């Protein structure tokens, strides 16, 4: 079951966050207000997921847990960077000075 959860988290962290919210109390333990969870769901889903998974009630996140959260942040930044580079690649093929009809 853990491997299946990890596979879903790799494909879609927002899906796993929604599942955690619906079927467990893990997110309510990790975040004191709903605003943190909603912003994390929208802006940095991997970081939010990893923080919720390594959070220990009464102790918080300590030691190696912060490394896991940092890996989540790097994954969020890499997906953001990959999306931006793909958008730039799509725009390179067409010149901005000519309209698409002028090429024919």
C-alpha atoms as a PDB file:
ATOM      1  CA  UNK A   1       0.000   0.000   0.000  1.00  0.00           C
ATOM      2  CA  UNK A   2       2.876   2.368   0.766  1.00  0.00           C
ATOM      3  CA  UNK A   3       4.402   1.877  -2.691  1.00  0.00           C
ATOM      4  CA  UNK A   4       1.068   2.635  -4.316  1.00  0.00           C
ATOM      5  CA  UNK A   5       0.790   5.847  -2.292  1.00  0.00           C
ATOM      6  CA  UNK A   6       4.330   6.827  -3.314  1.00  0.00           C
ATOM      7  CA  UNK A   7       3.507   6.185  -6.980  1.00  0.00           C
ATOM      8  CA  UNK A   8       0.392   8.354  -6.786  1.00  0.00           C
ATOM      9  CA  UNK A   9       2.360  11.064  -4.945  1.00  0.00           C
ATOM     10  CA  UNK A  10       4.974  11.078  -7.710  1.00  0.00           C
ATOM     11  CA  UNK A  11       2.311  11.357 -10.416  1.00  0.00           C
ATOM     12  CA  UNK A  12      -0.059  13.760  -8.657  1.00  0.00           C
ATOM     13  CA  UNK A  13       0.698  15.091  -5.175  1.00  0.00           C
ATOM     14  CA  UNK A  14      -2.581  17.024  -5.145  1.00  0.00           C
ATOM     15  CA  UNK A  15      -4.514  13.772  -5.538  1.00  0.00           C
ATOM     16  CA  UNK A  16      -2.712  12.286  -2.533  1.00  0.00           C
ATOM     17  CA  UNK A  17      -3.260  15.461  -0.486  1.00  0.00           C
ATOM     18  CA  UNK A  18      -6.976  15.304  -1.243  1.00  0.00           C
ATOM     19  CA  UNK A  19      -7.005  11.641  -0.223  1.00  0.00           C
ATOM     20  CA  UNK A  20      -5.185  12.402   3.022  1.00  0.00           C
ATOM     21  CA  UNK A  21      -7.657  15.161   3.767  1.00  0.00           C
ATOM     22  CA  UNK A  22     -10.669  12.953   3.093  1.00  0.00           C
ATOM     23  CA  UNK A  23      -9.545   9.690   4.698  1.00  0.00           C
ATOM     24  CA  UNK A  24      -7.185  10.660   7.551  1.00  0.00           C
ATOM     25  CA  UNK A  25      -6.468  13.407  10.029  1.00  0.00           C
ATOM     26  CA  UNK A  26      -2.828  13.802   8.972  1.00  0.00           C
ATOM     27  CA  UNK A  27      -3.268  17.263   7.444  1.00  0.00           C
ATOM     28  CA  UNK A  28      -5.226  18.617  10.404  1.00  0.00           C
ATOM     29  CA  UNK A  29      -2.433  17.453  12.723  1.00  0.00           C
ATOM     30  CA  UNK A  30       0.309  19.030  10.604  1.00  0.00           C
ATOM     31  CA  UNK A  31      -1.309  22.395   9.880  1.00  0.00           C
ATOM     32  CA  UNK A  32      -2.857  24.625  12.508  1.00  0.00           C
ATOM     33  CA  UNK A  33      -5.117  26.484  10.094  1.00  0.00           C
ATOM     34  CA  UNK A  34      -6.825  25.530   6.867  1.00  0.00           C
ATOM     35  CA  UNK A  35      -5.175  28.433   5.041  1.00  0.00           C
ATOM     36  CA  UNK A  36      -1.724  26.830   5.225  1.00  0.00           C
ATOM     37  CA  UNK A  37      -3.022  23.610   3.741  1.00  0.00           C
ATOM     38  CA  UNK A  38      -4.952  25.335   0.941  1.00  0.00           C
ATOM     39  CA  UNK A  39      -1.997  27.544  -0.028  1.00  0.00           C
ATOM     40  CA  UNK A  40       0.293  24.533   0.065  1.00  0.00           C
ATOM     41  CA  UNK A  41      -2.146  22.535  -2.063  1.00  0.00           C
ATOM     42  CA  UNK A  42      -2.181  25.282  -4.702  1.00  0.00           C
ATOM     43  CA  UNK A  43       1.417  26.573  -4.655  1.00  0.00           C
ATOM     44  CA  UNK A  44       3.762  23.852  -3.358  1.00  0.00           C
ATOM     45  CA  UNK A  45       2.013  20.464  -3.295  1.00  0.00           C
ATOM     46  CA  UNK A  46       5.115  18.263  -2.885  1.00  0.00           C
ATOM     47  CA  UNK A  47       6.406  20.354   0.018  1.00  0.00           C
ATOM     48  CA  UNK A  48       2.996  20.299   1.691  1.00  0.00           C
ATOM     49  CA  UNK A  49       2.678  16.549   1.262  1.00  0.00           C
ATOM     50  CA  UNK A  50       6.165  15.793   2.567  1.00  0.00           C
ATOM     51  CA  UNK A  51       5.718  18.161   5.531  1.00  0.00           C
ATOM     52  CA  UNK A  52       2.447  16.473   6.475  1.00  0.00           C
ATOM     53  CA  UNK A  53       4.035  13.036   6.231  1.00  0.00           C
ATOM     54  CA  UNK A  54       7.098  13.799   8.393  1.00  0.00           C
ATOM     55  CA  UNK A  55       5.277  15.923  10.988  1.00  0.00           C
ATOM     56  CA  UNK A  56       5.051  14.372  14.474  1.00  0.00           C
ATOM     57  CA  UNK A  57       2.406  15.737  16.841  1.00  0.00           C
ATOM     58  CA  UNK A  58       4.021  17.324  19.873  1.00  0.00           C
ATOM     59  CA  UNK A  59       7.470  17.393  18.264  1.00  0.00           C
ATOM     60  CA  UNK A  60       6.980  18.964  14.841  1.00  0.00           C
ATOM     61  CA  UNK A  61       9.545  18.356  12.133  1.00  0.00           C
ATOM     62  CA  UNK A  62      13.095  17.677  13.259  1.00  0.00           C
ATOM     63  CA  UNK A  63      16.397  16.544  11.826  1.00  0.00           C
ATOM     64  CA  UNK A  64      16.100  14.324   8.772  1.00  0.00           C
ATOM     65  CA  UNK A  65      12.478  15.400   8.338  1.00  0.00           C
ATOM     66  CA  UNK A  66      13.642  18.832   7.184  1.00  0.00           C
ATOM     67  CA  UNK A  67      15.754  17.177   4.494  1.00  0.00           C
ATOM     68  CA  UNK A  68      12.636  15.391   3.232  1.00  0.00           C
ATOM     69  CA  UNK A  69      10.733  18.701   3.207  1.00  0.00           C
ATOM     70  CA  UNK A  70      13.632  20.324   1.309  1.00  0.00           C
ATOM     71  CA  UNK A  71      13.460  17.534  -1.284  1.00  0.00           C
ATOM     72  CA  UNK A  72       9.774  18.328  -1.688  1.00  0.00           C
ATOM     73  CA  UNK A  73      10.599  21.997  -2.206  1.00  0.00           C
ATOM     74  CA  UNK A  74      13.198  21.093  -4.839  1.00  0.00           C
ATOM     75  CA  UNK A  75      10.623  18.933  -6.613  1.00  0.00           C
ATOM     76  CA  UNK A  76       8.144  21.826  -6.595  1.00  0.00           C
ATOM     77  CA  UNK A  77      10.747  24.224  -7.968  1.00  0.00           C
ATOM     78  CA  UNK A  78      11.810  21.736 -10.645  1.00  0.00           C
ATOM     79  CA  UNK A  79       8.247  21.279 -11.881  1.00  0.00           C
ATOM     80  CA  UNK A  80       7.837  25.051 -11.962  1.00  0.00           C
ATOM     81  CA  UNK A  81      11.074  25.442 -13.917  1.00  0.00           C
ATOM     82  CA  UNK A  82      10.211  22.638 -16.318  1.00  0.00           C
ATOM     83  CA  UNK A  83       6.846  24.227 -17.091  1.00  0.00           C
ATOM     84  CA  UNK A  84       8.472  27.580 -17.818  1.00  0.00           C
ATOM     85  CA  UNK A  85      11.109  26.095 -20.108  1.00  0.00           C
ATOM     86  CA  UNK A  86       8.490  24.153 -22.071  1.00  0.00           C
ATOM     87  CA  UNK A  87       6.530  27.359 -22.619  1.00  0.00           C
ATOM     88  CA  UNK A  88       9.638  29.115 -23.921  1.00  0.00           C
ATOM     89  CA  UNK A  89      10.413  26.205 -26.257  1.00  0.00           C
ATOM     90  CA  UNK A  90       6.964  26.310 -27.791  1.00  0.00           C
ATOM     91  CA  UNK A  91       7.287  30.024 -28.481  1.00  0.00           C
ATOM     92  CA  UNK A  92      10.666  29.777 -30.283  1.00  0.00           C
ATOM     93  CA  UNK A  93       9.338  28.316 -33.493  1.00  0.00           C
ATOM     94  CA  UNK A  94       7.300  31.348 -34.466  1.00  0.00           C
ATOM     95  CA  UNK A  95       8.617  34.827 -35.061  1.00  0.00           C
ATOM     96  CA  UNK A  96       6.759  37.564 -33.203  1.00  0.00           C
ATOM     97  CA  UNK A  97       7.109  40.046 -36.052  1.00  0.00           C
ATOM     98  CA  UNK A  98       5.189  37.928 -38.554  1.00  0.00           C
ATOM     99  CA  UNK A  99       1.672  36.668 -38.301  1.00  0.00           C
ATOM    100  CA  UNK A 100       1.058  32.952 -39.042  1.00  0.00           C
ATOM    101  CA  UNK A 101      -0.612  33.840 -42.396  1.00  0.00           C
ATOM    102  CA  UNK A 102       2.374  35.865 -43.588  1.00  0.00           C
ATOM    103  CA  UNK A 103       4.469  32.696 -43.701  1.00  0.00           C
ATOM    104  CA  UNK A 104       2.381  31.158 -46.489  1.00  0.00           C
END
